[in-house]
Amino acid sequence: MHVPAIVHAIPDALRATQRLAWARGATGEPALELQRASMDAGFRSYWRTQGAGPSRIVMDSPPELEDVRPWLRVRDLLEAGGVRVPRVDARDVDAGFLLLEDLGGDTCLQALARLDADALMDAAFDQLLQLQAVTPPADLPAYDAPMLLRELALFDDWFLGRHLGVTLDAGERAALDRVRTQLVDAMLAQPQVLVHRDYMLRNLMPVADGVAVLDFQDAVRGPVAYDPVCLLRDAFHSWPEARVDGWLAHYHARAVAAGIALPPYERFRRDAELTGVQRHLKVLGIFARLHHRDGKPKYLADAPRFIAYLDTVLPRHPALAPLGALLDRHVRPCLGGQAIPG
C-alpha cells in the first residue's frame, strides 16, 4: 500500500482533453471516447476505450505527479522474466500516457465469488514464483532496515498518534523498539528476492491462462516471505486460518521445487509470521494516513482485520508480547467491538 503525498496538477479539464486526443491518435479512432475504468490508483488513472476497435485501457500518469518510467521499467523486467503483465500497445512517456491491453473489468478480489479459491491461489503462486525468479537489478531499491523502520513508524505516527491520540510512555516506546528490532532482523535474515510489495487479490486480474499482475511499480529487493504474506493475509479479504496454513505450506513446497533457497517449513512459517506483523502495522498506519491526510476514510473500516491478523500470530511469539500488551492497552478500547469486514 503506497500512496504519494498530494501536490498540485494541471487542471482536470485540460488533462482530459489531452488524454482523449492522445488516445484517439494512438488507436487511430477519431470518434473514440473514454470511460473511467478504475479509481484510487494514486495519481495514475485508468480509462477504458469506447469505439469501433477492441477495448483497451489508457493509463494516464501525469508526469509532474507520477513519472510513468518506473512502472514501465518494472513491467518490462517482469515480462522478460515470464510474468503475465499488461501488454503495452502504445506509449508517450514524456506526456505520461500508455495504451494497454484490457484485462477485464474485475480484479480477482471483485471476481472472488465466481473463482475457485484453490485454483486462484495456484495461479497466483505461478506468477509469484516467476516474479521471485527474476534477478533484481543492482539499482533496484533494497527493502533494508531504514525502509522497514520508516514503514513501522507509520503505525506510531498515524495510527496510534494521529488516529487514536495515543502517546506512548518511555517504557512502551523502548518495548516497541525491541519488537521492531525482532521484526526487521527476521526480515533481513531471509533470502532476498524481487518483491512486489502489494501482491494481493486487488492487484491480480483473472485472465484465460491464470492471473495477470498489476501495481508492481514499487518493487524492491527484499525478504522472500513478504509477497506470500501479502497474498494470504490480504488487506481486503480474510481467509479461514486452516486455508492460510495449507496454502502457505503449498507455496513453500512449490518454491523449494522451483529452486528458491528457502529454509525448512517451520522456520519459513516463523519468518512469514514476523514479516506479516511488520506489514500489518505498516498498513494500519497507511490506512490512518489515507483518512487524515488524504481524505479517504473508507480504508479504516478494515483496521479490525489487521488487529485480528496480529491476534492470530502474536501469541505464538513471546518476544512480541509487548506489542500485544500495547494493543490491549491502547487499541482495543478504541475499536471496541467493531466487526471484521467481509
Protein backbone atom coordinates (compact mmCIF):
# COMPACT_ATOMS: atom_id res chain seq x y z
CA MET A 1 0.00 0.00 0.00
CA HIS A 2 1.84 3.07 -1.25
CA VAL A 3 0.16 6.46 -1.52
CA PRO A 4 2.09 9.59 -2.55
CA ALA A 5 1.63 12.99 -0.99
CA ILE A 6 -0.85 15.42 -2.53
CA VAL A 7 0.64 18.01 -4.89
CA HIS A 8 -0.83 20.35 -7.48
CA ALA A 9 -1.57 19.14 -11.01
CA ILE A 10 -2.68 20.71 -14.26
CA PRO A 11 -6.46 21.36 -14.40
CA ASP A 12 -8.55 18.21 -14.83
CA ALA A 13 -10.39 19.56 -17.89
CA LEU A 14 -7.16 20.29 -19.74
CA ARG A 15 -5.72 16.90 -18.86
CA ALA A 16 -8.93 15.21 -20.02
CA THR A 17 -8.67 16.96 -23.39
CA GLN A 18 -5.02 15.90 -23.76
CA ARG A 19 -5.84 12.33 -22.74
CA LEU A 20 -8.68 11.94 -25.24
CA ALA A 21 -6.68 13.46 -28.09
CA TRP A 22 -3.74 11.15 -27.37
CA ALA A 23 -5.98 8.06 -27.16
CA ARG A 24 -7.64 8.87 -30.46
CA GLY A 25 -4.27 9.31 -32.14
CA ALA A 26 -2.76 6.16 -30.60
CA THR A 27 -5.70 3.98 -31.67
CA GLY A 28 -6.39 5.68 -34.99
CA GLU A 29 -10.05 6.08 -33.99
CA PRO A 30 -11.08 9.76 -34.24
CA ALA A 31 -14.52 9.08 -32.71
CA LEU A 32 -13.20 7.10 -29.74
CA GLU A 33 -14.45 8.01 -26.24
CA LEU A 34 -13.07 7.17 -22.81
CA GLN A 35 -14.84 5.87 -19.72
CA ARG A 36 -13.30 5.72 -16.25
CA ALA A 37 -12.10 2.15 -15.69
CA SER A 38 -10.91 2.23 -12.08
CA MET A 39 -10.49 4.51 -9.11
CA ASP A 40 -7.92 5.08 -6.39
CA ALA A 41 -4.64 4.38 -8.16
CA GLY A 42 -2.59 7.19 -6.62
CA PHE A 43 -2.02 9.88 -9.22
CA ARG A 44 -2.47 7.43 -12.09
CA SER A 45 -5.90 6.96 -13.62
CA TYR A 46 -7.21 4.31 -15.97
CA TRP A 47 -9.71 4.78 -18.79
CA ARG A 48 -11.45 2.19 -20.99
CA THR A 49 -11.80 2.99 -24.67
CA GLN A 50 -15.26 3.06 -26.23
CA GLY A 51 -15.29 2.78 -30.01
CA ALA A 52 -15.21 0.54 -33.04
CA GLY A 53 -12.00 -1.32 -32.20
CA PRO A 54 -11.23 -3.72 -29.36
CA SER A 55 -11.48 -2.27 -25.89
CA ARG A 56 -8.18 -1.09 -24.44
CA ILE A 57 -7.04 0.82 -21.36
CA VAL A 58 -5.42 4.24 -21.32
CA MET A 59 -3.15 4.80 -18.33
CA ASP A 60 -2.84 8.48 -17.52
CA SER A 61 0.15 9.21 -15.30
CA PRO A 62 0.68 13.00 -15.21
CA PRO A 63 4.46 13.40 -15.36
CA GLU A 64 4.55 16.25 -12.85
CA LEU A 65 2.82 13.98 -10.31
CA GLU A 66 3.89 10.41 -11.04
CA ASP A 67 6.53 9.50 -13.61
CA VAL A 68 5.44 6.51 -15.68
CA ARG A 69 9.02 5.31 -16.24
CA PRO A 70 9.32 3.27 -13.02
CA TRP A 71 6.08 1.45 -13.88
CA LEU A 72 7.33 0.72 -17.39
CA ARG A 73 10.74 -0.37 -16.21
CA VAL A 74 9.36 -2.93 -13.76
CA ARG A 75 6.70 -4.07 -16.27
CA ASP A 76 9.37 -4.75 -18.88
CA LEU A 77 11.55 -6.53 -16.31
CA LEU A 78 8.68 -8.78 -15.25
CA GLU A 79 7.56 -9.53 -18.79
CA ALA A 80 11.11 -10.54 -19.72
CA GLY A 81 11.03 -12.93 -16.75
CA GLY A 82 7.81 -14.59 -17.89
CA VAL A 83 5.39 -12.80 -15.54
CA ARG A 84 1.94 -12.11 -17.02
CA VAL A 85 1.63 -8.32 -17.03
CA PRO A 86 -0.46 -5.94 -19.17
CA ARG A 87 0.70 -5.59 -22.77
CA VAL A 88 1.66 -2.07 -23.83
CA ASP A 89 0.38 -1.18 -27.32
CA ALA A 90 1.48 2.47 -27.42
CA ARG A 91 3.33 4.85 -25.15
CA ASP A 92 4.21 8.52 -24.76
CA VAL A 93 6.48 8.59 -21.74
CA ASP A 94 7.02 12.35 -21.74
CA ALA A 95 3.28 13.03 -21.73
CA GLY A 96 2.54 10.20 -19.29
CA PHE A 97 0.15 8.19 -21.48
CA LEU A 98 0.16 4.44 -22.13
CA LEU A 99 -2.23 2.33 -24.19
CA LEU A 100 -2.62 -1.09 -22.54
CA GLU A 101 -4.49 -4.27 -23.27
CA ASP A 102 -7.84 -4.51 -21.48
CA LEU A 103 -7.69 -7.35 -18.97
CA GLY A 104 -11.35 -7.02 -17.99
CA GLY A 105 -13.45 -5.11 -15.53
CA ASP A 106 -12.95 -7.13 -12.33
CA THR A 107 -9.88 -7.80 -10.25
CA CYS A 108 -9.52 -11.17 -8.54
CA LEU A 109 -10.90 -9.54 -5.40
CA GLN A 110 -14.01 -8.36 -7.22
CA ALA A 111 -14.40 -11.70 -9.02
CA LEU A 112 -13.73 -13.82 -5.94
CA ALA A 113 -17.28 -15.19 -5.65
CA ARG A 114 -17.06 -16.86 -9.05
CA LEU A 115 -13.49 -18.16 -8.73
CA ASP A 116 -12.29 -21.43 -7.23
CA ALA A 117 -10.08 -20.41 -4.32
CA ASP A 118 -7.54 -23.23 -4.63
CA ALA A 119 -7.17 -22.73 -8.38
CA LEU A 120 -6.83 -18.98 -7.81
CA MET A 121 -4.05 -19.46 -5.27
CA ASP A 122 -2.24 -21.89 -7.55
CA ALA A 123 -2.42 -19.35 -10.39
CA ALA A 124 -1.22 -16.59 -8.05
CA PHE A 125 1.68 -18.78 -6.93
CA ASP A 126 2.53 -19.48 -10.60
CA GLN A 127 3.07 -15.78 -11.21
CA LEU A 128 4.70 -15.15 -7.85
CA LEU A 129 7.31 -17.83 -8.44
CA GLN A 130 8.05 -16.38 -11.86
CA LEU A 131 8.41 -12.96 -10.25
CA GLN A 132 10.69 -14.24 -7.50
CA ALA A 133 12.92 -15.92 -10.09
CA VAL A 134 13.66 -12.54 -11.72
CA THR A 135 17.05 -11.21 -10.68
CA PRO A 136 16.56 -7.76 -9.13
CA PRO A 137 18.57 -5.08 -10.95
CA ALA A 138 21.53 -3.78 -8.97
CA ASP A 139 19.99 -0.32 -8.68
CA LEU A 140 16.58 -1.53 -7.51
CA PRO A 141 15.83 -0.19 -4.01
CA ALA A 142 16.54 -2.62 -1.18
CA TYR A 143 13.98 -3.36 1.49
CA ASP A 144 16.66 -2.52 4.02
CA ALA A 145 16.46 -1.65 7.71
CA PRO A 146 15.88 2.10 7.20
CA MET A 147 12.96 1.45 4.83
CA LEU A 148 11.41 -1.19 7.09
CA LEU A 149 11.70 1.09 10.12
CA ARG A 150 10.20 4.04 8.22
CA GLU A 151 7.22 1.84 7.41
CA LEU A 152 6.85 0.73 11.02
CA ALA A 153 6.91 4.36 12.13
CA LEU A 154 3.66 4.89 10.19
CA PHE A 155 1.89 2.81 12.85
CA ASP A 156 3.23 5.00 15.66
CA ASP A 157 2.78 8.33 13.93
CA TRP A 158 -0.50 7.90 12.08
CA PHE A 159 -2.48 5.07 13.66
CA LEU A 160 -1.54 5.44 17.32
CA GLY A 161 -0.68 9.14 17.38
CA ARG A 162 -2.87 10.89 14.83
CA HIS A 163 -5.83 8.50 14.70
CA LEU A 164 -6.11 7.23 18.28
CA GLY A 165 -4.43 10.16 20.05
CA VAL A 166 -2.06 7.81 21.90
CA THR A 167 1.27 8.99 23.29
CA LEU A 168 3.49 6.11 24.39
CA ASP A 169 5.49 6.45 27.57
CA ALA A 170 9.23 5.79 27.64
CA GLY A 171 8.83 2.17 28.69
CA GLU A 172 6.31 1.45 25.96
CA ARG A 173 8.50 3.07 23.34
CA ALA A 174 11.50 1.02 24.42
CA ALA A 175 9.47 -2.20 24.36
CA LEU A 176 8.09 -1.38 20.92
CA ASP A 177 11.61 -0.64 19.69
CA ARG A 178 12.66 -4.14 20.78
CA VAL A 179 9.74 -5.63 18.85
CA ARG A 180 10.70 -3.63 15.78
CA THR A 181 14.25 -4.91 16.01
CA GLN A 182 12.97 -8.50 16.13
CA LEU A 183 10.83 -7.95 13.04
CA VAL A 184 13.47 -6.19 10.98
CA ASP A 185 16.19 -8.70 11.88
CA ALA A 186 13.91 -11.58 10.84
CA MET A 187 13.15 -9.93 7.51
CA LEU A 188 16.75 -9.10 6.68
CA ALA A 189 17.89 -12.65 7.51
CA GLN A 190 15.63 -14.19 4.85
CA PRO A 191 16.65 -14.97 1.27
CA GLN A 192 16.32 -11.73 -0.68
CA VAL A 193 14.37 -11.76 -3.93
CA LEU A 194 12.36 -9.43 -6.13
CA VAL A 195 9.38 -8.28 -4.03
CA HIS A 196 6.19 -6.81 -5.49
CA ARG A 197 5.17 -5.26 -2.11
CA ASP A 198 1.40 -5.37 -2.72
CA TYR A 199 0.88 -8.86 -4.08
CA MET A 200 -2.79 -9.26 -3.21
CA LEU A 201 -6.12 -10.03 -4.86
CA ARG A 202 -6.86 -6.41 -5.75
CA ASN A 203 -3.67 -6.31 -7.82
CA LEU A 204 -4.29 -9.56 -9.69
CA MET A 205 -6.58 -9.90 -12.70
CA PRO A 206 -8.30 -13.16 -13.76
CA VAL A 207 -7.28 -13.98 -17.33
CA ALA A 208 -7.67 -17.01 -19.58
CA ASP A 209 -4.31 -18.51 -18.63
CA GLY A 210 -4.41 -17.75 -14.88
CA VAL A 211 -3.85 -14.30 -13.42
CA ALA A 212 -2.12 -11.14 -14.56
CA VAL A 213 -0.16 -8.92 -12.18
CA LEU A 214 -0.77 -5.18 -11.67
CA ASP A 215 0.56 -2.33 -9.49
CA PHE A 216 4.16 -3.54 -9.45
CA GLN A 217 5.97 -0.20 -9.79
CA ASP A 218 7.16 -0.14 -6.16
CA ALA A 219 9.06 -3.43 -6.43
CA VAL A 220 12.20 -3.81 -4.31
CA ARG A 221 14.76 -6.42 -3.40
CA GLY A 222 13.63 -7.88 -0.10
CA PRO A 223 12.53 -10.86 2.04
CA VAL A 224 11.13 -13.88 0.23
CA ALA A 225 8.20 -14.27 2.64
CA TYR A 226 6.82 -10.78 2.02
CA ASP A 227 4.70 -11.38 -1.08
CA PRO A 228 3.23 -14.72 0.08
CA VAL A 229 2.10 -12.96 3.25
CA CYS A 230 0.55 -10.13 1.23
CA LEU A 231 -1.44 -12.68 -0.73
CA LEU A 232 -2.61 -14.84 2.16
CA ARG A 233 -3.15 -12.03 4.68
CA ASP A 234 -4.96 -9.85 2.17
CA ALA A 235 -5.71 -6.25 3.06
CA PHE A 236 -9.34 -6.57 1.94
CA HIS A 237 -10.30 -10.23 2.37
CA SER A 238 -9.73 -12.69 5.21
CA TRP A 239 -9.38 -16.43 4.67
CA PRO A 240 -10.01 -19.15 7.29
CA GLU A 241 -6.83 -19.87 9.22
CA ALA A 242 -6.69 -23.51 8.12
CA ARG A 243 -6.69 -22.46 4.47
CA VAL A 244 -3.95 -19.91 5.06
CA ASP A 245 -1.79 -22.56 6.72
CA GLY A 246 -2.40 -25.03 3.90
CA TRP A 247 -1.67 -22.52 1.17
CA LEU A 248 1.49 -21.28 2.88
CA ALA A 249 2.79 -24.86 3.07
CA HIS A 250 1.83 -25.37 -0.58
CA TYR A 251 3.71 -22.23 -1.60
CA HIS A 252 6.76 -23.40 0.37
CA ALA A 253 6.78 -26.79 -1.36
CA ARG A 254 6.38 -25.22 -4.79
CA ALA A 255 9.08 -22.61 -4.12
CA VAL A 256 11.57 -25.24 -2.95
CA ALA A 257 10.81 -27.31 -6.05
CA ALA A 258 11.38 -24.19 -8.17
CA GLY A 259 14.86 -23.75 -6.72
CA ILE A 260 14.25 -20.89 -4.27
CA ALA A 261 16.62 -21.36 -1.32
CA LEU A 262 14.05 -21.46 1.47
CA PRO A 263 14.67 -22.76 5.00
CA PRO A 264 12.66 -25.74 6.32
CA TYR A 265 8.94 -25.07 6.54
CA GLU A 266 8.70 -24.37 10.27
CA ARG A 267 11.40 -21.71 10.04
CA PHE A 268 9.79 -20.28 6.91
CA ARG A 269 6.42 -20.12 8.65
CA ARG A 270 8.02 -18.19 11.51
CA ASP A 271 9.63 -15.82 9.01
CA ALA A 272 6.29 -15.33 7.25
CA GLU A 273 4.51 -14.57 10.50
CA LEU A 274 7.07 -11.99 11.61
CA THR A 275 7.08 -10.44 8.15
CA GLY A 276 3.31 -10.25 8.33
CA VAL A 277 3.44 -8.38 11.63
CA GLN A 278 5.62 -5.70 10.06
CA ARG A 279 3.20 -5.36 7.14
CA HIS A 280 0.09 -5.31 9.32
CA LEU A 281 1.48 -2.46 11.42
CA LYS A 282 2.54 -0.55 8.31
CA VAL A 283 -0.87 -0.93 6.67
CA LEU A 284 -2.68 0.27 9.79
CA GLY A 285 -0.51 3.39 9.62
CA ILE A 286 -1.18 3.86 5.90
CA PHE A 287 -4.93 3.48 6.34
CA ALA A 288 -4.90 6.11 9.08
CA ARG A 289 -2.84 8.41 6.85
CA LEU A 290 -5.25 7.92 3.97
CA HIS A 291 -8.05 9.06 6.26
CA HIS A 292 -6.41 12.01 7.99
CA ARG A 293 -4.12 13.34 5.27
CA ASP A 294 -5.79 12.30 2.02
CA GLY A 295 -9.49 12.41 2.88
CA LYS A 296 -10.10 8.70 2.16
CA PRO A 297 -11.85 7.36 5.27
CA LYS A 298 -13.11 4.03 3.87
CA TYR A 299 -9.86 2.17 4.47
CA LEU A 300 -10.06 2.42 8.23
CA ALA A 301 -13.07 0.11 8.14
CA ASP A 302 -10.52 -2.65 7.52
CA ALA A 303 -8.45 -1.87 10.62
CA PRO A 304 -10.08 -4.69 12.66
CA ARG A 305 -8.93 -7.17 10.01
CA PHE A 306 -5.30 -6.33 10.78
CA ILE A 307 -5.82 -6.46 14.53
CA ALA A 308 -7.27 -9.95 14.00
CA TYR A 309 -4.23 -10.94 11.95
CA LEU A 310 -1.99 -9.74 14.77
CA ASP A 311 -4.10 -11.58 17.36
CA THR A 312 -3.56 -14.82 15.43
CA VAL A 313 0.22 -14.52 15.31
CA LEU A 314 1.39 -12.68 18.43
CA PRO A 315 0.62 -15.45 20.95
CA ARG A 316 2.99 -17.76 19.04
CA HIS A 317 5.94 -15.39 19.51
CA PRO A 318 6.72 -14.49 23.15
CA ALA A 319 9.25 -11.84 22.10
CA LEU A 320 6.34 -9.89 20.58
CA ALA A 321 4.33 -9.84 23.82
CA PRO A 322 4.92 -6.09 24.36
CA LEU A 323 3.09 -5.39 21.10
CA GLY A 324 0.14 -7.48 22.27
CA ALA A 325 0.09 -5.55 25.55
CA LEU A 326 0.16 -2.26 23.66
CA LEU A 327 -2.81 -3.35 21.53
CA ASP A 328 -4.72 -4.38 24.67
CA ARG A 329 -4.00 -1.09 26.41
CA HIS A 330 -4.39 1.44 23.63
CA VAL A 331 -6.05 -0.02 20.53
CA ARG A 332 -8.78 -2.43 21.57
CA PRO A 333 -10.63 0.08 23.78
CA CYS A 334 -10.83 2.45 20.81
CA LEU A 335 -12.01 -0.15 18.31
CA GLY A 336 -14.49 -1.66 20.73
CA GLY A 337 -16.49 -4.46 19.18
CA GLN A 338 -16.02 -3.29 15.60
CA ALA A 339 -16.50 -6.29 13.32
CA ILE A 340 -14.03 -7.54 10.76
CA PRO A 341 -15.33 -6.60 7.29
CA GLY A 342 -16.05 -9.36 4.79
